[in-house]
Amino acid sequence: MTGGGRSRAVVLRGDRVVLRPLTGEDIEAVAAIVHEPSVRQWWPVPDEGTLREELGDDDCLAWTIRVDDEIAGWIQACEEEWPGHRSAGIDIVLGAAHQDRGLGTEALRAVIGFLLRDRGHRRLTIDPAADNARAIRVYEKVGFRPIGIARAYERREDGTERDALLMDLLAGEEA
């Protein structure tokens, strides 16, 4: 995908969540969520500069997840737009105060619908840590299926490596 991704993000809604395109003003709040222990254990925090650069990446569609106008998390979709291979990878982070309430499920369903219906993708992927059972249950709930293990996928802060579970969802399989 070429630059300007954020400009193509639109406001999306669930019953309790509103997804607003990420702006530079949101990056500090999202960075604070990424640093929360319940998030950090699954989402390795690079140095502050790299984190801010990743959150501000214009090559992905990115939204803040808002609940009652409070930033509860962040979700992004990085698209592959080759005509025969329209797919997107999704990342999601939800702050501790907003976990275990079904809000991540709502946010995912809104983004999945947008990517499949409005952006014309046929395959979506997500890659949680293989031992992140809570996230995997949520992803399965919205229609993702396990397709394999990526061994030593990411290096944790303590230097150990962690496997990831690769999951995908094809158009028509969303739940």
Protein backbone atom coordinates (compact mmCIF):
# COMPACT_ATOMS: atom_id res chain seq x y z
CA MET A 1 0.00 0.00 0.00
CA THR A 2 1.21 3.47 -0.64
CA GLY A 3 1.20 6.29 1.89
CA GLY A 4 -1.85 8.15 3.11
CA GLY A 5 -3.50 5.15 4.71
CA ARG A 6 -4.90 7.02 7.65
CA SER A 7 -6.74 9.41 5.35
CA ARG A 8 -8.80 6.44 4.06
CA ALA A 9 -9.85 5.35 7.56
CA VAL A 10 -13.43 6.27 8.31
CA VAL A 11 -15.36 6.43 11.57
CA LEU A 12 -16.70 2.96 12.43
CA ARG A 13 -19.23 2.07 15.11
CA GLY A 14 -20.25 -0.87 17.24
CA ASP A 15 -22.95 -0.87 19.90
CA ARG A 16 -20.61 0.53 22.57
CA VAL A 17 -17.47 1.50 20.67
CA VAL A 18 -16.66 4.23 18.20
CA LEU A 19 -13.53 3.83 16.10
CA ARG A 20 -12.08 7.17 15.08
CA PRO A 21 -9.12 7.56 12.73
CA LEU A 22 -5.92 7.88 14.76
CA THR A 23 -4.43 11.37 14.80
CA GLY A 24 -1.10 12.63 16.07
CA GLU A 25 -2.93 13.96 19.12
CA ASP A 26 -3.95 10.39 20.07
CA ILE A 27 -0.49 8.82 20.01
CA GLU A 28 0.45 9.72 23.59
CA ALA A 29 -2.74 8.16 25.00
CA VAL A 30 -2.31 5.01 22.91
CA ALA A 31 1.38 4.76 23.88
CA ALA A 32 0.33 4.86 27.55
CA ILE A 33 -2.06 1.94 26.93
CA VAL A 34 0.67 -0.07 25.18
CA HIS A 35 2.84 0.41 28.30
CA GLU A 36 0.17 -1.03 30.66
CA PRO A 37 1.34 -4.38 32.12
CA SER A 38 -1.71 -6.30 30.82
CA VAL A 39 -0.89 -5.12 27.30
CA ARG A 40 2.88 -5.08 27.52
CA GLN A 41 3.04 -8.79 28.42
CA TRP A 42 1.67 -9.58 24.94
CA TRP A 43 2.80 -6.63 22.90
CA PRO A 44 6.55 -6.05 23.22
CA VAL A 45 7.27 -2.37 23.67
CA PRO A 46 10.07 -1.13 21.48
CA ASP A 47 11.96 2.01 22.43
CA GLU A 48 9.72 5.06 22.69
CA GLY A 49 10.74 6.48 19.31
CA THR A 50 10.01 3.23 17.47
CA LEU A 51 6.65 2.87 19.27
CA ARG A 52 5.58 6.38 18.29
CA GLU A 53 6.74 5.80 14.72
CA GLU A 54 4.76 2.55 14.50
CA LEU A 55 1.61 4.11 15.95
CA GLY A 56 1.96 6.99 13.51
CA ASP A 57 2.55 4.78 10.44
CA ASP A 58 0.57 6.32 7.58
CA ASP A 59 0.84 3.09 5.59
CA CYS A 60 -1.85 1.42 7.73
CA LEU A 61 -5.44 2.31 8.50
CA ALA A 62 -5.49 3.08 12.21
CA TRP A 63 -8.22 3.93 14.68
CA THR A 64 -8.56 4.73 18.34
CA ILE A 65 -11.14 2.56 20.06
CA ARG A 66 -13.33 4.92 22.08
CA VAL A 67 -15.83 4.11 24.79
CA ASP A 68 -17.86 7.06 26.06
CA ASP A 69 -15.37 9.28 24.17
CA GLU A 70 -12.44 7.89 26.22
CA ILE A 71 -9.60 6.24 24.31
CA ALA A 72 -9.84 2.58 25.32
CA GLY A 73 -7.40 1.19 22.78
CA TRP A 74 -6.11 1.13 19.24
CA ILE A 75 -6.70 -1.03 16.18
CA GLN A 76 -5.01 -0.98 12.81
CA ALA A 77 -5.21 -2.76 9.48
CA CYS A 78 -2.23 -2.94 7.15
CA GLU A 79 -3.46 -3.68 3.66
CA GLU A 80 -1.98 -5.64 0.77
CA GLU A 81 -3.68 -4.23 -2.29
CA TRP A 82 -2.38 -6.27 -5.20
CA PRO A 83 -5.42 -7.08 -7.35
CA GLY A 84 -5.14 -10.87 -6.96
CA HIS A 85 -4.11 -10.76 -3.32
CA ARG A 86 -6.33 -8.27 -1.48
CA SER A 87 -5.71 -8.96 2.19
CA ALA A 88 -5.05 -7.10 5.42
CA GLY A 89 -3.35 -7.84 8.72
CA ILE A 90 -4.95 -6.57 11.92
CA ASP A 91 -3.41 -5.50 15.24
CA ILE A 92 -5.45 -4.52 18.29
CA VAL A 93 -4.63 -3.23 21.77
CA LEU A 94 -7.16 -2.64 24.54
CA GLY A 95 -6.35 -0.99 27.87
CA ALA A 96 -6.78 -2.94 31.11
CA ALA A 97 -9.87 -1.00 32.21
CA HIS A 98 -11.64 -2.03 29.01
CA GLN A 99 -10.65 -5.69 28.75
CA ASP A 100 -13.05 -8.60 29.30
CA ARG A 101 -16.11 -6.53 28.39
CA GLY A 102 -16.60 -7.55 24.75
CA LEU A 103 -15.28 -4.23 23.48
CA GLY A 104 -12.42 -5.79 21.52
CA THR A 105 -14.91 -8.12 19.85
CA GLU A 106 -17.04 -5.13 18.82
CA ALA A 107 -14.05 -3.22 17.49
CA LEU A 108 -12.84 -6.23 15.52
CA ARG A 109 -16.28 -6.84 14.00
CA ALA A 110 -16.48 -3.19 12.89
CA VAL A 111 -13.03 -3.32 11.24
CA ILE A 112 -13.64 -6.76 9.72
CA GLY A 113 -16.91 -5.57 8.15
CA PHE A 114 -15.23 -2.45 6.78
CA LEU A 115 -12.27 -4.35 5.32
CA LEU A 116 -14.36 -7.09 3.70
CA ARG A 117 -17.37 -5.07 2.58
CA ASP A 118 -16.00 -1.60 1.85
CA ARG A 119 -12.33 -2.25 1.05
CA GLY A 120 -12.91 -5.51 -0.88
CA HIS A 121 -10.43 -7.73 0.95
CA ARG A 122 -10.85 -11.49 0.76
CA ARG A 123 -8.48 -12.58 3.54
CA LEU A 124 -7.66 -11.04 6.91
CA THR A 125 -4.87 -12.19 9.21
CA ILE A 126 -3.94 -11.75 12.85
CA ASP A 127 -0.95 -13.14 14.76
CA PRO A 128 -1.36 -13.33 18.55
CA ALA A 129 1.25 -14.86 20.82
CA ALA A 130 0.61 -18.61 20.74
CA ASP A 131 0.09 -18.64 24.52
CA ASN A 132 -2.34 -15.68 24.60
CA ALA A 133 -5.45 -17.80 25.11
CA ARG A 134 -7.74 -14.85 25.89
CA ALA A 135 -6.93 -13.06 22.61
CA ILE A 136 -7.19 -16.28 20.61
CA ARG A 137 -10.70 -16.93 22.00
CA VAL A 138 -11.78 -13.43 20.92
CA TYR A 139 -10.33 -13.88 17.44
CA GLU A 140 -12.04 -17.26 17.04
CA LYS A 141 -15.31 -15.69 18.22
CA VAL A 142 -15.28 -13.25 15.28
CA GLY A 143 -14.36 -15.96 12.74
CA PHE A 144 -10.57 -16.24 12.63
CA ARG A 145 -9.18 -19.78 12.32
CA PRO A 146 -5.72 -21.05 13.28
CA ILE A 147 -3.52 -21.79 10.27
CA GLY A 148 -0.13 -22.46 11.84
CA ILE A 149 2.56 -21.57 14.33
CA ALA A 150 5.32 -19.11 13.54
CA ARG A 151 8.18 -20.31 15.70
CA ALA A 152 10.34 -17.76 17.56
CA TYR A 153 8.16 -15.04 16.04
CA GLU A 154 9.06 -12.21 18.40
CA ARG A 155 11.72 -11.41 20.94
CA ARG A 156 10.44 -10.42 24.37
CA GLU A 157 12.02 -7.75 26.56
CA ASP A 158 13.81 -10.42 28.62
CA GLY A 159 15.47 -11.79 25.45
CA THR A 160 13.38 -14.96 25.19
CA GLU A 161 11.52 -15.72 22.00
CA ARG A 162 7.82 -16.40 21.73
CA ASP A 163 5.85 -18.28 19.09
CA ALA A 164 2.83 -16.73 17.40
CA LEU A 165 -0.36 -18.39 16.24
CA LEU A 166 -1.11 -17.33 12.70
CA MET A 167 -4.85 -17.00 12.11
CA ASP A 168 -6.90 -15.98 9.11
CA LEU A 169 -10.47 -15.17 8.22
CA LEU A 170 -11.81 -15.43 4.67
CA ALA A 171 -14.64 -13.32 3.32
CA GLY A 172 -17.90 -15.04 4.24
CA GLU A 173 -16.48 -16.65 7.40
CA GLU A 174 -16.96 -13.70 9.73
CA ALA A 175 -19.10 -14.42 12.77
